[in-house]
C-alpha atoms as a PDB file:
ATOM      1  CA  MET A   1       0.000   0.000   0.000  1.00  0.00           C
ATOM      2  CA  GLY A   2       1.329   3.437  -0.913  1.00  0.00           C
ATOM      3  CA  LYS A   3       2.051   6.144   1.577  1.00  0.00           C
ATOM      4  CA  ARG A   4      -0.341   8.964   2.300  1.00  0.00           C
ATOM      5  CA  PRO A   5      -0.338  11.976  -0.048  1.00  0.00           C
ATOM      6  CA  LEU A   6       1.975  14.801   0.884  1.00  0.00           C
ATOM      7  CA  VAL A   7      -0.920  17.124   1.693  1.00  0.00           C
ATOM      8  CA  ARG A   8      -2.070  14.720   4.417  1.00  0.00           C
ATOM      9  CA  ARG A   9       1.363  14.078   5.877  1.00  0.00           C
ATOM     10  CA  ARG A  10       2.020  17.777   6.454  1.00  0.00           C
ATOM     11  CA  GLY A  11      -0.299  17.842   9.447  1.00  0.00           C
ATOM     12  CA  ARG A  12       1.575  15.196  11.429  1.00  0.00           C
ATOM     13  CA  GLY A  13       4.126  17.659  12.811  1.00  0.00           C
ATOM     14  CA  THR A  14       7.128  15.378  12.353  1.00  0.00           C
ATOM     15  CA  SER A  15      10.673  16.654  11.906  1.00  0.00           C
ATOM     16  CA  VAL A  16      10.268  16.504   8.131  1.00  0.00           C
ATOM     17  CA  PHE A  17       7.711  19.320   8.181  1.00  0.00           C
ATOM     18  CA  ARG A  18       8.424  21.091  11.484  1.00  0.00           C
ATOM     19  CA  SER A  19      10.127  24.449  11.139  1.00  0.00           C
ATOM     20  CA  PRO A  20      13.354  24.548  13.235  1.00  0.00           C
ATOM     21  CA  THR A  21      12.469  27.828  14.938  1.00  0.00           C
ATOM     22  CA  PHE A  22      14.725  27.054  17.896  1.00  0.00           C
ATOM     23  CA  HIS A  23      17.685  28.062  15.710  1.00  0.00           C
ATOM     24  CA  ARG A  24      16.379  31.606  15.290  1.00  0.00           C
ATOM     25  CA  ILE A  25      17.933  34.363  17.353  1.00  0.00           C
ATOM     26  CA  GLY A  26      14.722  36.118  18.339  1.00  0.00           C
ATOM     27  CA  ARG A  27      11.824  38.279  17.242  1.00  0.00           C
ATOM     28  CA  VAL A  28      12.920  40.900  14.715  1.00  0.00           C
ATOM     29  CA  ALA A  29      10.730  43.884  15.528  1.00  0.00           C
ATOM     30  CA  TYR A  30      10.712  47.408  16.919  1.00  0.00           C
ATOM     31  CA  PRO A  31      10.634  47.894  20.686  1.00  0.00           C
ATOM     32  CA  THR A  32       7.424  48.805  22.501  1.00  0.00           C
ATOM     33  CA  PHE A  33       5.788  51.980  21.197  1.00  0.00           C
ATOM     34  CA  ARG A  34       6.311  54.926  23.557  1.00  0.00           C
ATOM     35  CA  GLU A  35       5.288  58.566  23.589  1.00  0.00           C
ATOM     36  CA  SER A  36       8.892  59.538  22.810  1.00  0.00           C
ATOM     37  CA  ASP A  37       8.452  57.872  19.428  1.00  0.00           C
ATOM     38  CA  VAL A  38       6.018  60.637  18.450  1.00  0.00           C
ATOM     39  CA  GLU A  39       7.901  63.867  19.202  1.00  0.00           C
ATOM     40  CA  GLY A  40      11.097  62.845  21.032  1.00  0.00           C
ATOM     41  CA  SER A  41      14.386  61.335  19.941  1.00  0.00           C
ATOM     42  CA  VAL A  42      16.268  58.471  21.597  1.00  0.00           C
ATOM     43  CA  SER A  43      19.779  57.404  20.618  1.00  0.00           C
ATOM     44  CA  GLY A  44      20.864  53.825  20.098  1.00  0.00           C
ATOM     45  CA  VAL A  45      23.960  51.850  19.140  1.00  0.00           C
ATOM     46  CA  VAL A  46      24.262  48.872  16.796  1.00  0.00           C
ATOM     47  CA  ARG A  47      25.979  46.287  18.988  1.00  0.00           C
ATOM     48  CA  ASN A  48      26.438  43.607  16.354  1.00  0.00           C
ATOM     49  CA  LEU A  49      25.258  42.296  12.997  1.00  0.00           C
ATOM     50  CA  LEU A  50      23.960  38.733  13.275  1.00  0.00           C
ATOM     51  CA  HIS A  51      22.854  35.946  10.971  1.00  0.00           C
ATOM     52  CA  ASP A  52      19.356  34.582  11.458  1.00  0.00           C
ATOM     53  CA  PRO A  53      18.861  31.080   9.959  1.00  0.00           C
ATOM     54  CA  GLY A  54      16.239  31.093   7.229  1.00  0.00           C
ATOM     55  CA  ARG A  55      16.369  34.888   6.830  1.00  0.00           C
ATOM     56  CA  GLY A  56      17.962  36.427   3.750  1.00  0.00           C
ATOM     57  CA  THR A  57      19.179  39.608   5.387  1.00  0.00           C
ATOM     58  CA  PRO A  58      21.465  40.280   8.374  1.00  0.00           C
ATOM     59  CA  VAL A  59      19.920  41.310  11.682  1.00  0.00           C
ATOM     60  CA  ALA A  60      21.157  44.260  13.726  1.00  0.00           C
ATOM     61  CA  HIS A  61      21.248  43.989  17.520  1.00  0.00           C
ATOM     62  CA  VAL A  62      20.450  47.497  18.763  1.00  0.00           C
ATOM     63  CA  SER A  63      20.415  48.872  22.308  1.00  0.00           C
ATOM     64  CA  PHE A  64      18.806  52.265  22.990  1.00  0.00           C
ATOM     65  CA  SER A  65      19.615  54.742  25.736  1.00  0.00           C
ATOM     66  CA  ASP A  66      16.144  54.326  27.295  1.00  0.00           C
ATOM     67  CA  GLY A  67      16.966  50.706  28.131  1.00  0.00           C
ATOM     68  CA  GLU A  68      15.189  49.079  25.191  1.00  0.00           C
ATOM     69  CA  ARG A  69      16.959  46.362  23.208  1.00  0.00           C
ATOM     70  CA  CYS A  70      15.721  44.865  19.990  1.00  0.00           C
ATOM     71  CA  LEU A  71      16.611  43.080  16.782  1.00  0.00           C
ATOM     72  CA  LEU A  72      16.050  44.990  13.538  1.00  0.00           C
ATOM     73  CA  THR A  73      16.516  44.139   9.878  1.00  0.00           C
ATOM     74  CA  ALA A  74      19.812  45.740   8.863  1.00  0.00           C
ATOM     75  CA  THR A  75      19.755  48.387   6.167  1.00  0.00           C
ATOM     76  CA  GLU A  76      22.507  49.077   3.647  1.00  0.00           C
ATOM     77  CA  GLY A  77      25.218  51.198   5.275  1.00  0.00           C
ATOM     78  CA  LEU A  78      24.641  49.910   8.802  1.00  0.00           C
ATOM     79  CA  TYR A  79      27.654  48.612  10.742  1.00  0.00           C
ATOM     80  CA  ALA A  80      28.561  47.578  14.292  1.00  0.00           C
ATOM     81  CA  GLY A  81      29.120  50.643  16.441  1.00  0.00           C
ATOM     82  CA  LYS A  82      26.971  52.974  14.337  1.00  0.00           C
ATOM     83  CA  CYS A  83      24.758  55.375  16.277  1.00  0.00           C
ATOM     84  CA  ILE A  84      21.117  55.479  15.214  1.00  0.00           C
ATOM     85  CA  TRP A  85      18.085  57.352  16.522  1.00  0.00           C
ATOM     86  CA  LYS A  86      14.415  56.600  16.965  1.00  0.00           C
ATOM     87  CA  GLY A  87      11.552  59.046  17.401  1.00  0.00           C
ATOM     88  CA  GLY A  88       9.692  61.723  15.503  1.00  0.00           C
ATOM     89  CA  ALA A  89      12.387  64.354  16.159  1.00  0.00           C
ATOM     90  CA  SER A  90      15.138  62.233  14.578  1.00  0.00           C
ATOM     91  CA  LEU A  91      16.715  63.097  11.256  1.00  0.00           C
ATOM     92  CA  PRO A  92      15.719  60.975   8.230  1.00  0.00           C
ATOM     93  CA  GLU A  93      19.126  59.294   7.944  1.00  0.00           C
ATOM     94  CA  ILE A  94      20.097  55.698   7.175  1.00  0.00           C
ATOM     95  CA  GLY A  95      19.096  53.323   9.976  1.00  0.00           C
ATOM     96  CA  ASN A  96      16.961  55.790  11.956  1.00  0.00           C
ATOM     97  CA  VAL A  97      13.435  54.811  12.994  1.00  0.00           C
ATOM     98  CA  LEU A  98      10.702  57.424  12.520  1.00  0.00           C
ATOM     99  CA  PRO A  99       6.906  57.562  12.247  1.00  0.00           C
ATOM    100  CA  VAL A 100       5.952  57.626   8.576  1.00  0.00           C
ATOM    101  CA  GLY A 101       4.166  60.945   9.126  1.00  0.00           C
ATOM    102  CA  LYS A 102       7.542  62.547   9.936  1.00  0.00           C
ATOM    103  CA  ILE A 103       9.424  61.124   6.943  1.00  0.00           C
ATOM    104  CA  PRO A 104       9.886  63.417   3.919  1.00  0.00           C
ATOM    105  CA  GLU A 105       8.278  62.506   0.621  1.00  0.00           C
ATOM    106  CA  GLY A 106      10.454  60.479  -1.735  1.00  0.00           C
ATOM    107  CA  THR A 107      12.402  58.767   1.074  1.00  0.00           C
ATOM    108  CA  LEU A 108      13.116  55.027   0.790  1.00  0.00           C
ATOM    109  CA  VAL A 109      11.991  53.128   3.882  1.00  0.00           C
ATOM    110  CA  SER A 110      11.794  49.519   5.077  1.00  0.00           C
ATOM    111  CA  ASN A 111      10.460  47.410   7.966  1.00  0.00           C
ATOM    112  CA  ILE A 112       7.145  49.307   7.983  1.00  0.00           C
ATOM    113  CA  GLU A 113       4.409  48.833  10.542  1.00  0.00           C
ATOM    114  CA  ILE A 114       0.873  48.223   9.296  1.00  0.00           C
ATOM    115  CA  HIS A 115      -0.600  49.141  12.670  1.00  0.00           C
ATOM    116  CA  ARG A 116       1.085  51.256  15.316  1.00  0.00           C
ATOM    117  CA  GLY A 117       3.202  49.090  17.610  1.00  0.00           C
ATOM    118  CA  ASP A 118       3.066  45.820  15.626  1.00  0.00           C
ATOM    119  CA  GLY A 119       6.867  45.808  15.239  1.00  0.00           C
ATOM    120  CA  GLY A 120       7.146  46.058  11.454  1.00  0.00           C
ATOM    121  CA  LYS A 121       5.589  43.848   8.779  1.00  0.00           C
ATOM    122  CA  ILE A 122       6.281  45.280   5.302  1.00  0.00           C
ATOM    123  CA  ALA A 123       9.539  45.365   3.262  1.00  0.00           C
ATOM    124  CA  LYS A 124      11.714  43.170   5.490  1.00  0.00           C
ATOM    125  CA  SER A 125      13.302  40.837   2.927  1.00  0.00           C
ATOM    126  CA  SER A 126      16.717  41.475   1.418  1.00  0.00           C
ATOM    127  CA  GLY A 127      16.968  44.359  -1.028  1.00  0.00           C
ATOM    128  CA  THR A 128      13.373  45.545  -0.611  1.00  0.00           C
ATOM    129  CA  TYR A 129      12.097  49.019   0.175  1.00  0.00           C
ATOM    130  CA  ALA A 130       9.004  51.198  -0.047  1.00  0.00           C
ATOM    131  CA  THR A 131       8.763  54.844  -1.055  1.00  0.00           C
ATOM    132  CA  VAL A 132       6.967  57.594   0.848  1.00  0.00           C
ATOM    133  CA  VAL A 133       4.801  59.190  -1.834  1.00  0.00           C
ATOM    134  CA  ALA A 134       2.677  61.813  -0.070  1.00  0.00           C
ATOM    135  CA  HIS A 135       1.175  62.947   3.223  1.00  0.00           C
ATOM    136  CA  THR A 136      -2.613  63.208   2.965  1.00  0.00           C
ATOM    137  CA  PRO A 137      -5.548  63.652   5.372  1.00  0.00           C
ATOM    138  CA  ALA A 138      -6.197  59.920   4.977  1.00  0.00           C
ATOM    139  CA  GLY A 139      -2.669  59.104   6.138  1.00  0.00           C
ATOM    140  CA  THR A 140       0.742  58.652   4.573  1.00  0.00           C
ATOM    141  CA  GLU A 141       0.777  57.113   1.105  1.00  0.00           C
ATOM    142  CA  LEU A 142       3.522  54.579   0.436  1.00  0.00           C
ATOM    143  CA  LYS A 143       4.433  52.744  -2.742  1.00  0.00           C
ATOM    144  CA  LEU A 144       5.162  49.140  -1.773  1.00  0.00           C
ATOM    145  CA  PRO A 145       7.743  46.823  -3.410  1.00  0.00           C
ATOM    146  CA  SER A 146       4.896  45.236  -5.380  1.00  0.00           C
ATOM    147  CA  GLY A 147       3.979  48.603  -6.886  1.00  0.00           C
ATOM    148  CA  LYS A 148       0.757  48.836  -4.921  1.00  0.00           C
ATOM    149  CA  SER A 149      -0.048  52.015  -2.997  1.00  0.00           C
ATOM    150  CA  LEU A 150      -1.015  51.843   0.664  1.00  0.00           C
ATOM    151  CA  TYR A 151      -2.230  54.452   3.124  1.00  0.00           C
ATOM    152  CA  LEU A 152      -0.963  54.104   6.690  1.00  0.00           C
ATOM    153  CA  LYS A 153      -1.570  56.021   9.889  1.00  0.00           C
ATOM    154  CA  ASP A 154       1.053  58.678  10.519  1.00  0.00           C
ATOM    155  CA  LEU A 155       2.238  57.023  13.774  1.00  0.00           C
ATOM    156  CA  CYS A 156       3.273  53.759  12.098  1.00  0.00           C
ATOM    157  CA  ARG A 157       7.060  53.431  12.317  1.00  0.00           C
ATOM    158  CA  ALA A 158       9.552  52.686   9.547  1.00  0.00           C
ATOM    159  CA  THR A 159      13.322  52.495   9.107  1.00  0.00           C
ATOM    160  CA  ILE A 160      15.116  54.835   6.719  1.00  0.00           C
ATOM    161  CA  GLY A 161      17.002  52.956   4.003  1.00  0.00           C
ATOM    162  CA  VAL A 162      16.962  49.814   1.874  1.00  0.00           C
ATOM    163  CA  VAL A 163      17.160  46.374   3.477  1.00  0.00           C
ATOM    164  CA  ALA A 164      20.659  44.892   3.177  1.00  0.00           C
ATOM    165  CA  GLY A 165      21.428  41.788   1.135  1.00  0.00           C
ATOM    166  CA  ALA A 166      20.243  43.014  -2.259  1.00  0.00           C
ATOM    167  CA  GLY A 167      21.125  40.650  -5.104  1.00  0.00           C
ATOM    168  CA  ARG A 168      20.945  37.556  -2.920  1.00  0.00           C
ATOM    169  CA  VAL A 169      18.580  35.729  -5.272  1.00  0.00           C
ATOM    170  CA  GLU A 170      20.857  36.402  -8.265  1.00  0.00           C
ATOM    171  CA  LYS A 171      23.517  34.013  -6.998  1.00  0.00           C
ATOM    172  CA  PRO A 172      22.829  30.428  -8.184  1.00  0.00           C
ATOM    173  CA  PHE A 173      22.724  27.575  -5.702  1.00  0.00           C
ATOM    174  CA  LEU A 174      24.877  25.369  -8.008  1.00  0.00           C
ATOM    175  CA  LYS A 175      24.176  22.259  -5.915  1.00  0.00           C
ATOM    176  CA  ALA A 176      20.917  20.705  -4.816  1.00  0.00           C
ATOM    177  CA  GLY A 177      22.302  20.266  -1.307  1.00  0.00           C
ATOM    178  CA  ASN A 178      22.585  24.024  -0.826  1.00  0.00           C
ATOM    179  CA  LYS A 179      18.959  24.503  -1.823  1.00  0.00           C
ATOM    180  CA  PHE A 180      17.914  21.655   0.470  1.00  0.00           C
ATOM    181  CA  LEU A 181      19.639  23.233   3.481  1.00  0.00           C
ATOM    182  CA  LEU A 182      17.979  26.580   2.816  1.00  0.00           C
ATOM    183  CA  MET A 183      14.523  25.028   2.579  1.00  0.00           C
ATOM    184  CA  MET A 184      15.163  22.955   5.681  1.00  0.00           C
ATOM    185  CA  SER A 185      16.030  26.082   7.672  1.00  0.00           C
ATOM    186  CA  ARG A 186      12.658  27.511   6.651  1.00  0.00           C
ATOM    187  CA  GLY A 187      10.751  24.361   7.516  1.00  0.00           C
ATOM    188  CA  ARG A 188       9.742  23.566   3.935  1.00  0.00           C
ATOM    189  CA  HIS A 189       9.636  20.143   2.348  1.00  0.00           C
ATOM    190  CA  TRP A 190      11.856  20.084  -0.745  1.00  0.00           C
ATOM    191  CA  PRO A 191      12.090  18.967  -3.511  1.00  0.00           C
ATOM    192  CA  THR A 192       8.488  18.867  -4.664  1.00  0.00           C
ATOM    193  CA  VAL A 193       7.375  16.186  -7.089  1.00  0.00           C
ATOM    194  CA  LYS A 194       4.483  16.501  -9.523  1.00  0.00           C
ATOM    195  CA  GLY A 195       1.459  14.516  -8.501  1.00  0.00           C
ATOM    196  CA  GLN A 196       1.128  13.208 -12.060  1.00  0.00           C
ATOM    197  CA  ALA A 197       4.594  11.639 -11.759  1.00  0.00           C
ATOM    198  CA  MET A 198       3.576   9.575  -8.708  1.00  0.00           C
ATOM    199  CA  VAL A 199       1.857   6.236  -8.513  1.00  0.00           C
ATOM    200  CA  ALA A 200      -1.870   6.164  -7.966  1.00  0.00           C
ATOM    201  CA  ALA A 201      -1.477   5.204  -4.304  1.00  0.00           C
ATOM    202  CA  SER A 202       0.570   8.329  -3.481  1.00  0.00           C
ATOM    203  CA  HIS A 203      -1.462  11.076  -5.144  1.00  0.00           C
ATOM    204  CA  PRO A 204      -4.946  11.546  -6.624  1.00  0.00           C
ATOM    205  CA  PHE A 205      -3.382  12.614  -9.935  1.00  0.00           C
ATOM    206  CA  GLY A 206      -0.945   9.693 -10.040  1.00  0.00           C
ATOM    207  CA  GLY A 207      -0.982   6.555 -12.154  1.00  0.00           C
ATOM    208  CA  GLY A 208      -1.045   6.039 -15.888  1.00  0.00           C
ATOM    209  CA  ARG A 209       1.667   6.152 -18.519  1.00  0.00           C
ATOM    210  CA  HIS A 210       0.767   9.426 -20.179  1.00  0.00           C
ATOM    211  CA  LYS A 211       1.340  11.694 -17.175  1.00  0.00           C
ATOM    212  CA  HIS A 212      -1.980  13.459 -17.069  1.00  0.00           C
ATOM    213  CA  ALA A 213      -4.301  13.797 -14.130  1.00  0.00           C
ATOM    214  CA  GLY A 214      -7.167  11.851 -15.657  1.00  0.00           C
ATOM    215  CA  LYS A 215      -9.693  13.914 -13.708  1.00  0.00           C
ATOM    216  CA  PRO A 216     -10.534  17.590 -13.155  1.00  0.00           C
ATOM    217  CA  THR A 217      -7.654  19.367 -11.419  1.00  0.00           C
ATOM    218  CA  THR A 218     -10.000  21.812  -9.680  1.00  0.00           C
ATOM    219  CA  VAL A 219     -11.344  20.681  -6.318  1.00  0.00           C
ATOM    220  CA  SER A 220     -13.782  22.087  -3.821  1.00  0.00           C
ATOM    221  CA  ARG A 221     -12.616  24.339  -1.041  1.00  0.00           C
ATOM    222  CA  HIS A 222     -14.388  21.970   1.340  1.00  0.00           C
ATOM    223  CA  ALA A 223     -12.676  18.814   0.064  1.00  0.00           C
ATOM    224  CA  PRO A 224     -11.030  16.606   2.716  1.00  0.00           C
ATOM    225  CA  PRO A 225      -7.225  16.393   3.120  1.00  0.00           C
ATOM    226  CA  GLY A 226      -5.765  14.044   0.558  1.00  0.00           C
ATOM    227  CA  GLN A 227      -8.333  15.039  -2.022  1.00  0.00           C
ATOM    228  CA  LYS A 228      -7.608  18.755  -1.801  1.00  0.00           C
ATOM    229  CA  VAL A 229      -4.785  18.938  -4.365  1.00  0.00           C
ATOM    230  CA  GLY A 230      -4.330  20.904  -7.565  1.00  0.00           C
ATOM    231  CA  LEU A 231      -6.276  24.107  -8.184  1.00  0.00           C
ATOM    232  CA  ILE A 232      -8.219  24.541  -4.954  1.00  0.00           C
ATOM    233  CA  ALA A 233     -11.502  26.434  -5.289  1.00  0.00           C
ATOM    234  CA  ALA A 234     -10.375  27.755  -8.690  1.00  0.00           C
ATOM    235  CA  ARG A 235     -12.840  29.965 -10.519  1.00  0.00           C
ATOM    236  CA  LYS A 236     -11.272  29.067 -13.830  1.00  0.00           C
ATOM    237  CA  SER A 237      -8.296  27.148 -15.156  1.00  0.00           C
ATOM    238  CA  GLY A 238      -6.107  27.294 -18.206  1.00  0.00           C
ATOM    239  CA  ARG A 239      -4.508  30.248 -19.916  1.00  0.00           C
ATOM    240  CA  ALA A 240      -6.098  33.634 -19.511  1.00  0.00           C
ATOM    241  CA  LYS A 241      -7.618  34.966 -22.713  1.00  0.00           C
ATOM    242  CA  ARG A 242      -6.429  38.350 -23.868  1.00  0.00           C
ATOM    243  CA  ALA A 243      -9.022  41.068 -23.838  1.00  0.00           C
ATOM    244  CA  GLY A 244      -9.937  42.356 -27.268  1.00  0.00           C
END
C-alpha cells in the first residue's frame, strides 16, 4: 500500500515538516511603542550584525539609551558601532526609525508597521524598500515593493534605508544540497514532485503512462485532506484569454 499523499502528511508535525524555529535568534521587531516615538528622539547603538537562519538579510542587535533592546533588519550602510536614533524628532538618515508621518516625501523606507506598535511587517526581505509618496488627510501614502499604494496612519514606524542583502537571489545555488539546506532552515519540504509523476497510491493525480491527471484538477474548497490537491476552489483554469 502506498504512503499517504503529501498534503495529508504535512499535518503530522514530524521533523520533516516542522520548522526549526529554535535556531532563530529572536523576534525581529521594533521595541514597545512609547510617547517619545512621536515627538522625542532616543539614541541607540548597533551592537552587532547577526545571521538569522532562514532569513535572507542580516539582523542588527540594537540597544537604545532608554533601556530598550531589539533586533532589527539591517539596512545598507549599517555597521557595528553605528549610532542610530528613533523618534519623531530624529533626522531621516540611514538606519533611523521614525513615524511615517515625519518622513519626507520620496524617502526610501523599510520594515514598515501596518498598525502602530506591531513591530514592522512590510519590506523586510533582502533588497526591498518602499517609497513615501505623499502625506494626505487619509494618512501617509507609500508605494510598496509590489507597486501597490497603501495608506498608513502617521504614527506607524519605519526604518530609513533599503534592506541589506540586495542581489541575494541572483547568486545560483549550483548544488541541490545548498537549496535543500535553505529550505530545511525555513521548515519547507523540498524537492516537490508533480502529482502526475507519482503512482496512484501516493497522489490523486498519479498513475497512468501518459502523465496526465485523468480527472478535473479543480477541487472544492471543502474537500477533505488528501483530495484537496491541484487548483483549490479555482474559478477558472487554463490560460487567460487576452481582452480584445
